[in-house]
Amino acid sequence: MRDRLPGRVTVTELAGVARLSPYHFLRVFKRATGHTPHRYLTLLRIAEAKRLLEAGVTVTQAAQRCGFYSAAHLSGVFLRETGVRPSRWPPPTSDHCAGERLTV
């Protein structure tokens, strides 16, 4: 999934790689990760977007590289997952926790 962040990833493809039926793959995947494949992929994409934004990439570029339809799509998902807009990432560190970074 990490290798295919910008592209489309289907359950059928993932199940084929694992040599399982799609239905059995969904059950096994959720048991192993605690997430559905879609949710897990979203979390991977957000983690990569955070990394790119911290490296100075624009929101539009991060959206394209991480498989979001648009900067607006990334912005909405990012806000839901982290509580801040990607344009505000990384959040400033406060004085009482200097050196620590917010991880979501």
C-alpha atoms as a PDB file:
ATOM      1  CA  MET A   1       0.000   0.000   0.000  1.00  0.00           C
ATOM      2  CA  ARG A   2       2.861   2.388   0.784  1.00  0.00           C
ATOM      3  CA  ASP A   3       4.280   1.892  -2.698  1.00  0.00           C
ATOM      4  CA  ARG A   4       0.957   2.807  -4.288  1.00  0.00           C
ATOM      5  CA  LEU A   5      -0.076   5.874  -2.260  1.00  0.00           C
ATOM      6  CA  PRO A   6      -0.668   8.138  -5.257  1.00  0.00           C
ATOM      7  CA  GLY A   7      -2.602   5.495  -7.171  1.00  0.00           C
ATOM      8  CA  ARG A   8      -5.759   3.533  -6.778  1.00  0.00           C
ATOM      9  CA  VAL A   9      -5.591   0.488  -4.523  1.00  0.00           C
ATOM     10  CA  THR A  10      -8.425  -2.038  -4.576  1.00  0.00           C
ATOM     11  CA  VAL A  11      -9.330  -4.762  -2.128  1.00  0.00           C
ATOM     12  CA  THR A  12      -9.317  -7.230  -5.013  1.00  0.00           C
ATOM     13  CA  GLU A  13      -5.695  -6.365  -5.818  1.00  0.00           C
ATOM     14  CA  LEU A  14      -4.629  -6.586  -2.184  1.00  0.00           C
ATOM     15  CA  ALA A  15      -6.446  -9.876  -1.735  1.00  0.00           C
ATOM     16  CA  GLY A  16      -4.736 -11.214  -4.854  1.00  0.00           C
ATOM     17  CA  VAL A  17      -1.314 -10.337  -3.466  1.00  0.00           C
ATOM     18  CA  ALA A  18      -2.222 -12.106  -0.232  1.00  0.00           C
ATOM     19  CA  ARG A  19      -3.739 -15.014  -2.194  1.00  0.00           C
ATOM     20  CA  LEU A  20      -7.010 -14.727  -0.329  1.00  0.00           C
ATOM     21  CA  SER A  21     -10.581 -14.071  -1.396  1.00  0.00           C
ATOM     22  CA  PRO A  22     -11.527 -10.407  -1.017  1.00  0.00           C
ATOM     23  CA  TYR A  23     -13.948 -11.216   1.811  1.00  0.00           C
ATOM     24  CA  HIS A  24     -11.473 -13.303   3.738  1.00  0.00           C
ATOM     25  CA  PHE A  25      -8.766 -10.697   3.140  1.00  0.00           C
ATOM     26  CA  LEU A  26     -10.964  -7.978   4.678  1.00  0.00           C
ATOM     27  CA  ARG A  27     -11.491 -10.053   7.821  1.00  0.00           C
ATOM     28  CA  VAL A  28      -7.816 -10.987   8.150  1.00  0.00           C
ATOM     29  CA  PHE A  29      -6.612  -7.447   7.440  1.00  0.00           C
ATOM     30  CA  LYS A  30      -8.915  -5.874  10.016  1.00  0.00           C
ATOM     31  CA  ARG A  31      -7.932  -8.462  12.607  1.00  0.00           C
ATOM     32  CA  ALA A  32      -4.218  -7.850  11.937  1.00  0.00           C
ATOM     33  CA  THR A  33      -4.263  -4.040  11.772  1.00  0.00           C
ATOM     34  CA  GLY A  34      -7.394  -2.976  13.600  1.00  0.00           C
ATOM     35  CA  HIS A  35      -8.483  -1.035  10.513  1.00  0.00           C
ATOM     36  CA  THR A  36     -10.208  -1.662   7.212  1.00  0.00           C
ATOM     37  CA  PRO A  37      -7.894  -1.422   4.191  1.00  0.00           C
ATOM     38  CA  HIS A  38      -9.465   1.919   3.224  1.00  0.00           C
ATOM     39  CA  ARG A  39      -8.935   3.391   6.683  1.00  0.00           C
ATOM     40  CA  TYR A  40      -5.379   2.051   6.823  1.00  0.00           C
ATOM     41  CA  LEU A  41      -4.616   3.557   3.407  1.00  0.00           C
ATOM     42  CA  THR A  42      -6.025   6.899   4.549  1.00  0.00           C
ATOM     43  CA  LEU A  43      -3.795   6.837   7.630  1.00  0.00           C
ATOM     44  CA  LEU A  44      -0.751   6.024   5.468  1.00  0.00           C
ATOM     45  CA  ARG A  45      -1.598   8.885   3.120  1.00  0.00           C
ATOM     46  CA  ILE A  46      -2.011  11.354   5.980  1.00  0.00           C
ATOM     47  CA  ALA A  47       1.298  10.257   7.526  1.00  0.00           C
ATOM     48  CA  GLU A  48       3.046  10.799   4.181  1.00  0.00           C
ATOM     49  CA  ALA A  49       1.326  14.172   3.715  1.00  0.00           C
ATOM     50  CA  LYS A  50       2.599  15.248   7.149  1.00  0.00           C
ATOM     51  CA  ARG A  51       6.131  14.207   6.203  1.00  0.00           C
ATOM     52  CA  LEU A  52       5.964  16.078   2.903  1.00  0.00           C
ATOM     53  CA  LEU A  53       4.501  19.213   4.477  1.00  0.00           C
ATOM     54  CA  GLU A  54       7.242  19.198   7.099  1.00  0.00           C
ATOM     55  CA  ALA A  55       9.751  19.034   4.237  1.00  0.00           C
ATOM     56  CA  GLY A  56       8.266  22.187   2.692  1.00  0.00           C
ATOM     57  CA  VAL A  57       6.106  20.696  -0.051  1.00  0.00           C
ATOM     58  CA  THR A  58       2.927  22.654  -0.898  1.00  0.00           C
ATOM     59  CA  VAL A  59      -0.507  21.318   0.036  1.00  0.00           C
ATOM     60  CA  THR A  60      -1.334  20.828  -3.646  1.00  0.00           C
ATOM     61  CA  GLN A  61       1.854  18.852  -4.253  1.00  0.00           C
ATOM     62  CA  ALA A  62       1.285  16.759  -1.125  1.00  0.00           C
ATOM     63  CA  ALA A  63      -2.262  15.984  -2.278  1.00  0.00           C
ATOM     64  CA  GLN A  64      -1.013  14.801  -5.673  1.00  0.00           C
ATOM     65  CA  ARG A  65       1.806  12.704  -4.220  1.00  0.00           C
ATOM     66  CA  CYS A  66      -0.410  11.072  -1.588  1.00  0.00           C
ATOM     67  CA  GLY A  67      -3.362  10.071  -3.761  1.00  0.00           C
ATOM     68  CA  PHE A  68      -5.945  12.700  -2.831  1.00  0.00           C
ATOM     69  CA  TYR A  69      -8.221  14.041  -5.571  1.00  0.00           C
ATOM     70  CA  SER A  70      -7.359  17.654  -4.828  1.00  0.00           C
ATOM     71  CA  ALA A  71      -5.867  19.976  -2.242  1.00  0.00           C
ATOM     72  CA  ALA A  72      -9.400  20.501  -0.901  1.00  0.00           C
ATOM     73  CA  HIS A  73      -9.868  16.742  -0.485  1.00  0.00           C
ATOM     74  CA  LEU A  74      -6.558  16.473   1.396  1.00  0.00           C
ATOM     75  CA  SER A  75      -7.495  19.487   3.499  1.00  0.00           C
ATOM     76  CA  GLY A  76     -10.808  17.983   4.604  1.00  0.00           C
ATOM     77  CA  VAL A  77      -9.369  14.565   5.426  1.00  0.00           C
ATOM     78  CA  PHE A  78      -6.309  16.084   7.096  1.00  0.00           C
ATOM     79  CA  LEU A  79      -8.487  18.326   9.286  1.00  0.00           C
ATOM     80  CA  ARG A  80     -10.682  15.384  10.294  1.00  0.00           C
ATOM     81  CA  GLU A  81      -7.680  13.209  11.176  1.00  0.00           C
ATOM     82  CA  THR A  82      -5.368  15.750  12.842  1.00  0.00           C
ATOM     83  CA  GLY A  83      -7.588  18.609  13.975  1.00  0.00           C
ATOM     84  CA  VAL A  84      -5.628  21.160  11.915  1.00  0.00           C
ATOM     85  CA  ARG A  85      -5.529  22.170   8.258  1.00  0.00           C
ATOM     86  CA  PRO A  86      -2.517  21.014   6.235  1.00  0.00           C
ATOM     87  CA  SER A  87      -1.603  24.656   5.627  1.00  0.00           C
ATOM     88  CA  ARG A  88      -1.035  24.909   9.398  1.00  0.00           C
ATOM     89  CA  TRP A  89       1.157  21.775   9.577  1.00  0.00           C
ATOM     90  CA  PRO A  90       3.418  21.297  11.408  1.00  0.00           C
ATOM     91  CA  PRO A  91       1.730  22.912  14.383  1.00  0.00           C
ATOM     92  CA  PRO A  92       3.921  25.226  16.432  1.00  0.00           C
ATOM     93  CA  THR A  93       5.419  23.669  19.528  1.00  0.00           C
ATOM     94  CA  SER A  94       4.313  25.261  22.762  1.00  0.00           C
ATOM     95  CA  ASP A  95       6.736  26.413  25.433  1.00  0.00           C
ATOM     96  CA  HIS A  96       5.650  23.812  27.967  1.00  0.00           C
ATOM     97  CA  CYS A  97       6.505  20.918  25.669  1.00  0.00           C
ATOM     98  CA  ALA A  98       9.522  22.251  23.812  1.00  0.00           C
ATOM     99  CA  GLY A  99      11.042  19.686  21.518  1.00  0.00           C
ATOM    100  CA  GLU A 100       7.890  17.571  21.336  1.00  0.00           C
ATOM    101  CA  ARG A 101       5.748  17.336  18.236  1.00  0.00           C
ATOM    102  CA  LEU A 102       2.052  16.675  18.047  1.00  0.00           C
ATOM    103  CA  THR A 103       1.538  13.207  16.637  1.00  0.00           C
ATOM    104  CA  VAL A 104      -1.886  12.105  15.544  1.00  0.00           C
END
